[in-house]
């Protein structure tokens, strides 16, 4: 283990997440009370790129105190695992990390997020996954499933059209797009019919608490005044 106050020797990984200044400020206050940097050194690779500890390094620089570091041979992907043990990463932190690392599935998903910023990331993860699930474990390990991303884009576009008709924000809720996806897969369902019903009965489209409730609402409004070709949503 080495120590230094020459902070200029350290470099950043482009794929490491951005500094959270609030977290740095918390560390500064903690170090001022009890400096434990020596027992919690940062980790750098042979090129002095910070693998783990960028927030501790920033706090040490503010306080102008020694920073302790260990050099190690380490895989770039281990950045996410190390940092998640220090401070919880959100789903978007992992997505951004692997996007910068140019992992194709994450690049496609980031493009989806950027194109539809009002959509909830949690819903997009389920929509893009061929199994319709949000697998956080695989997401963290760099194995994001986006086999259904074209269908996810279709749902996003329909949500935009529904918003233009209803002017109700719940169409971007995490549950409504998932219910809509179920409707699109239903036998006899035609999106033109749903748009017509939305224009005819806009007040009947209301915010719900669950995907099942949204499915029931869509089914009830869609089937209204139909004698045949009704849909069922399970």
Protein backbone atom coordinates (compact mmCIF):
# COMPACT_ATOMS: atom_id res chain seq x y z
CA UNK A 1 0.00 0.00 0.00
CA UNK A 2 1.28 3.47 -0.92
CA UNK A 3 0.19 6.97 0.02
CA UNK A 4 0.47 10.40 -1.57
CA UNK A 5 -0.85 13.95 -1.66
CA UNK A 6 0.01 14.29 -5.32
CA UNK A 7 -3.53 13.70 -6.62
CA UNK A 8 -2.46 14.45 -10.18
CA UNK A 9 -0.95 10.97 -10.55
CA UNK A 10 -4.41 9.41 -10.60
CA UNK A 11 -6.51 8.99 -13.73
CA UNK A 12 -10.20 8.29 -14.26
CA UNK A 13 -11.82 5.45 -16.15
CA UNK A 14 -14.14 6.89 -18.77
CA UNK A 15 -16.71 4.19 -17.91
CA UNK A 16 -16.74 4.88 -14.20
CA UNK A 17 -19.83 6.78 -13.11
CA UNK A 18 -19.83 10.51 -12.45
CA UNK A 19 -18.83 11.89 -9.08
CA UNK A 20 -21.77 12.33 -6.71
CA UNK A 21 -20.90 15.59 -4.93
CA UNK A 22 -23.40 14.91 -2.14
CA UNK A 23 -21.61 11.65 -1.36
CA UNK A 24 -18.22 13.41 -1.47
CA UNK A 25 -19.47 16.01 1.02
CA UNK A 26 -20.63 13.26 3.36
CA UNK A 27 -17.20 11.63 3.17
CA UNK A 28 -15.48 14.95 3.87
CA UNK A 29 -17.47 15.36 7.09
CA UNK A 30 -16.74 11.77 8.07
CA UNK A 31 -13.00 12.06 7.41
CA UNK A 32 -12.84 15.33 9.38
CA UNK A 33 -14.27 13.50 12.40
CA UNK A 34 -12.27 10.30 12.04
CA UNK A 35 -9.83 9.75 9.19
CA UNK A 36 -10.00 6.08 8.22
CA UNK A 37 -8.57 6.45 4.71
CA UNK A 38 -5.52 4.37 5.68
CA UNK A 39 -7.67 1.33 6.45
CA UNK A 40 -9.80 1.85 3.35
CA UNK A 41 -7.37 2.53 0.48
CA UNK A 42 -8.51 3.22 -3.05
CA UNK A 43 -7.71 0.68 -5.77
CA UNK A 44 -5.92 1.64 -8.99
CA UNK A 45 -4.62 -0.33 -11.96
CA UNK A 46 -1.08 -0.26 -13.29
CA UNK A 47 -1.86 2.90 -15.27
CA UNK A 48 -3.04 4.61 -12.04
CA UNK A 49 -6.65 4.64 -13.21
CA UNK A 50 -9.03 4.61 -10.24
CA UNK A 51 -10.97 1.36 -10.15
CA UNK A 52 -12.53 1.86 -6.73
CA UNK A 53 -12.55 4.94 -4.51
CA UNK A 54 -13.07 7.97 -6.74
CA UNK A 55 -15.29 9.60 -4.07
CA UNK A 56 -12.70 9.02 -1.33
CA UNK A 57 -10.03 10.50 -3.59
CA UNK A 58 -12.17 13.60 -4.21
CA UNK A 59 -12.80 14.01 -0.47
CA UNK A 60 -9.09 13.64 0.35
CA UNK A 61 -8.25 16.28 -2.23
CA UNK A 62 -10.74 18.74 -0.69
CA UNK A 63 -9.21 18.19 2.75
CA UNK A 64 -5.62 18.08 1.42
CA UNK A 65 -4.83 14.86 3.28
CA UNK A 66 -2.91 11.73 2.32
CA UNK A 67 -4.75 9.27 0.10
CA UNK A 68 -3.79 5.61 0.40
CA UNK A 69 -3.88 3.37 -2.63
CA UNK A 70 -3.23 -0.17 -3.80
CA UNK A 71 -2.20 -1.06 -7.35
CA UNK A 72 -3.76 -4.19 -8.75
CA UNK A 73 -4.40 -5.96 -12.04
CA UNK A 74 -8.15 -5.89 -12.38
CA UNK A 75 -10.80 -6.30 -15.04
CA UNK A 76 -12.66 -3.16 -16.13
CA UNK A 77 -15.99 -4.85 -15.45
CA UNK A 78 -15.03 -5.20 -11.79
CA UNK A 79 -15.55 -1.43 -11.42
CA UNK A 80 -19.30 -1.93 -11.12
CA UNK A 81 -18.97 -4.72 -8.57
CA UNK A 82 -16.49 -2.82 -6.41
CA UNK A 83 -18.40 0.45 -6.46
CA UNK A 84 -21.74 -1.21 -5.77
CA UNK A 85 -20.26 -2.50 -2.51
CA UNK A 86 -19.23 1.02 -1.53
CA UNK A 87 -22.37 2.87 -2.57
CA UNK A 88 -25.44 1.32 -4.17
CA UNK A 89 -25.64 1.73 -7.92
CA UNK A 90 -28.97 2.33 -9.60
CA UNK A 91 -30.04 0.45 -12.71
CA UNK A 92 -29.07 3.49 -14.80
CA UNK A 93 -25.58 3.52 -13.26
CA UNK A 94 -25.01 0.00 -14.59
CA UNK A 95 -26.62 0.84 -17.93
CA UNK A 96 -24.42 3.93 -18.34
CA UNK A 97 -21.31 1.99 -17.31
CA UNK A 98 -21.77 -0.81 -19.84
CA UNK A 99 -22.86 1.68 -22.50
CA UNK A 100 -19.56 3.53 -22.18
CA UNK A 101 -17.88 0.12 -22.35
CA UNK A 102 -19.67 -0.25 -25.72
CA UNK A 103 -21.57 -3.43 -24.85
CA UNK A 104 -24.05 -3.65 -27.77
CA UNK A 105 -27.18 -4.54 -25.78
CA UNK A 106 -26.62 -1.63 -23.38
CA UNK A 107 -25.95 0.77 -26.23
CA UNK A 108 -29.29 -0.21 -27.80
CA UNK A 109 -31.08 0.16 -24.48
CA UNK A 110 -29.51 3.56 -23.77
CA UNK A 111 -30.73 4.70 -27.16
CA UNK A 112 -34.24 3.56 -26.19
CA UNK A 113 -34.05 5.50 -22.91
CA UNK A 114 -32.79 8.62 -24.69
CA UNK A 115 -35.51 8.46 -27.35
CA UNK A 116 -38.31 8.04 -24.80
CA UNK A 117 -37.20 10.02 -21.72
CA UNK A 118 -40.67 10.11 -20.16
CA UNK A 119 -40.88 6.32 -19.98
CA UNK A 120 -39.89 4.64 -16.72
CA UNK A 121 -36.63 2.70 -17.00
CA UNK A 122 -38.15 -0.16 -15.00
CA UNK A 123 -40.91 -0.55 -17.59
CA UNK A 124 -38.47 -0.33 -20.50
CA UNK A 125 -36.35 -3.11 -18.99
CA UNK A 126 -39.37 -5.42 -18.89
CA UNK A 127 -40.61 -4.42 -22.33
CA UNK A 128 -37.20 -4.95 -23.95
CA UNK A 129 -36.70 -8.37 -22.37
CA UNK A 130 -38.09 -11.22 -24.48
CA UNK A 131 -39.35 -12.90 -21.30
CA UNK A 132 -41.04 -9.73 -20.06
CA UNK A 133 -39.02 -9.60 -16.85
CA UNK A 134 -36.61 -7.15 -15.23
CA UNK A 135 -33.52 -9.22 -14.36
CA UNK A 136 -31.37 -6.96 -12.18
CA UNK A 137 -28.78 -9.67 -11.53
CA UNK A 138 -28.06 -10.07 -15.25
CA UNK A 139 -28.16 -6.29 -15.68
CA UNK A 140 -25.39 -5.87 -13.10
CA UNK A 141 -23.28 -8.60 -14.65
CA UNK A 142 -23.38 -7.09 -18.14
CA UNK A 143 -25.85 -9.55 -19.62
CA UNK A 144 -28.82 -7.35 -20.55
CA UNK A 145 -31.55 -9.00 -22.64
CA UNK A 146 -32.97 -6.63 -25.26
CA UNK A 147 -34.33 -9.23 -27.69
CA UNK A 148 -37.74 -7.56 -27.56
CA UNK A 149 -36.51 -4.01 -28.10
CA UNK A 150 -38.41 -3.44 -31.36
CA UNK A 151 -41.68 -4.30 -29.63
CA UNK A 152 -40.67 -2.01 -26.76
CA UNK A 153 -40.25 0.85 -29.24
CA UNK A 154 -43.73 0.11 -30.63
CA UNK A 155 -45.25 0.35 -27.14
CA UNK A 156 -43.40 3.62 -26.51
CA UNK A 157 -44.72 5.12 -29.73
CA UNK A 158 -48.28 4.10 -28.87
CA UNK A 159 -47.91 5.65 -25.42
CA UNK A 160 -46.88 8.92 -27.09
CA UNK A 161 -49.97 8.74 -29.32
CA UNK A 162 -52.20 7.96 -26.35
CA UNK A 163 -50.80 10.95 -24.49
CA UNK A 164 -51.55 13.21 -27.47
CA UNK A 165 -55.18 12.07 -27.24
CA UNK A 166 -55.69 11.88 -23.48
CA UNK A 167 -53.13 14.40 -22.18
CA UNK A 168 -52.76 12.21 -19.09
CA UNK A 169 -49.31 11.48 -17.66
CA UNK A 170 -50.21 7.99 -16.44
CA UNK A 171 -49.64 6.62 -19.95
CA UNK A 172 -45.92 6.90 -19.15
CA UNK A 173 -46.35 5.18 -15.79
CA UNK A 174 -44.43 1.95 -15.32
CA UNK A 175 -47.64 -0.13 -15.27
CA UNK A 176 -49.67 1.24 -18.19
CA UNK A 177 -47.08 0.45 -20.91
CA UNK A 178 -46.82 -3.11 -19.59
CA UNK A 179 -50.61 -3.53 -19.72
CA UNK A 180 -50.62 -2.07 -23.22
CA UNK A 181 -48.00 -4.61 -24.25
CA UNK A 182 -50.32 -7.39 -23.11
CA UNK A 183 -53.17 -5.88 -25.13
CA UNK A 184 -51.03 -5.70 -28.28
CA UNK A 185 -50.41 -9.44 -28.02
CA UNK A 186 -54.11 -10.27 -27.55
CA UNK A 187 -56.13 -11.95 -30.29
CA UNK A 188 -58.40 -9.56 -32.21
CA UNK A 189 -56.77 -6.46 -30.70
CA UNK A 190 -56.41 -3.51 -33.06
CA UNK A 191 -54.71 -0.37 -31.86
CA UNK A 192 -56.89 1.80 -34.10
CA UNK A 193 -59.90 0.66 -32.07
CA UNK A 194 -58.23 1.70 -28.82
CA UNK A 195 -57.41 5.13 -30.23
CA UNK A 196 -61.04 5.55 -31.33
CA UNK A 197 -62.26 4.64 -27.85
CA UNK A 198 -59.75 6.99 -26.26
CA UNK A 199 -61.13 9.85 -28.33
CA UNK A 200 -64.75 8.86 -27.57
CA UNK A 201 -64.30 8.17 -23.83
CA UNK A 202 -61.22 10.08 -22.62
CA UNK A 203 -62.59 10.49 -19.09
CA UNK A 204 -62.85 6.72 -18.68
CA UNK A 205 -59.08 6.37 -18.95
CA UNK A 206 -57.84 6.90 -15.40
CA UNK A 207 -54.69 6.23 -13.40
CA UNK A 208 -54.56 2.79 -11.78
CA UNK A 209 -52.40 1.17 -9.11
CA UNK A 210 -51.37 -1.99 -10.94
CA UNK A 211 -50.79 -3.53 -14.36
CA UNK A 212 -53.79 -5.81 -13.83
CA UNK A 213 -56.07 -2.82 -13.19
CA UNK A 214 -54.81 -1.12 -16.35
CA UNK A 215 -55.44 -4.32 -18.30
CA UNK A 216 -59.00 -4.46 -16.99
CA UNK A 217 -59.56 -0.82 -17.92
CA UNK A 218 -58.20 -1.29 -21.44
CA UNK A 219 -60.29 -4.42 -21.95
CA UNK A 220 -63.51 -2.84 -20.65
CA UNK A 221 -63.19 0.30 -22.79
CA UNK A 222 -62.01 -1.58 -25.87
CA UNK A 223 -64.89 -4.08 -25.74
CA UNK A 224 -67.57 -1.45 -25.11
CA UNK A 225 -70.39 -1.72 -27.68
CA UNK A 226 -68.72 -4.64 -29.45
CA UNK A 227 -70.84 -7.68 -30.23
CA UNK A 228 -67.95 -9.71 -31.62
CA UNK A 229 -64.14 -9.69 -31.83
CA UNK A 230 -63.87 -8.79 -28.15
CA UNK A 231 -60.51 -9.14 -26.48
CA UNK A 232 -59.53 -10.98 -23.31
CA UNK A 233 -56.46 -10.03 -21.31
CA UNK A 234 -54.96 -12.50 -18.85
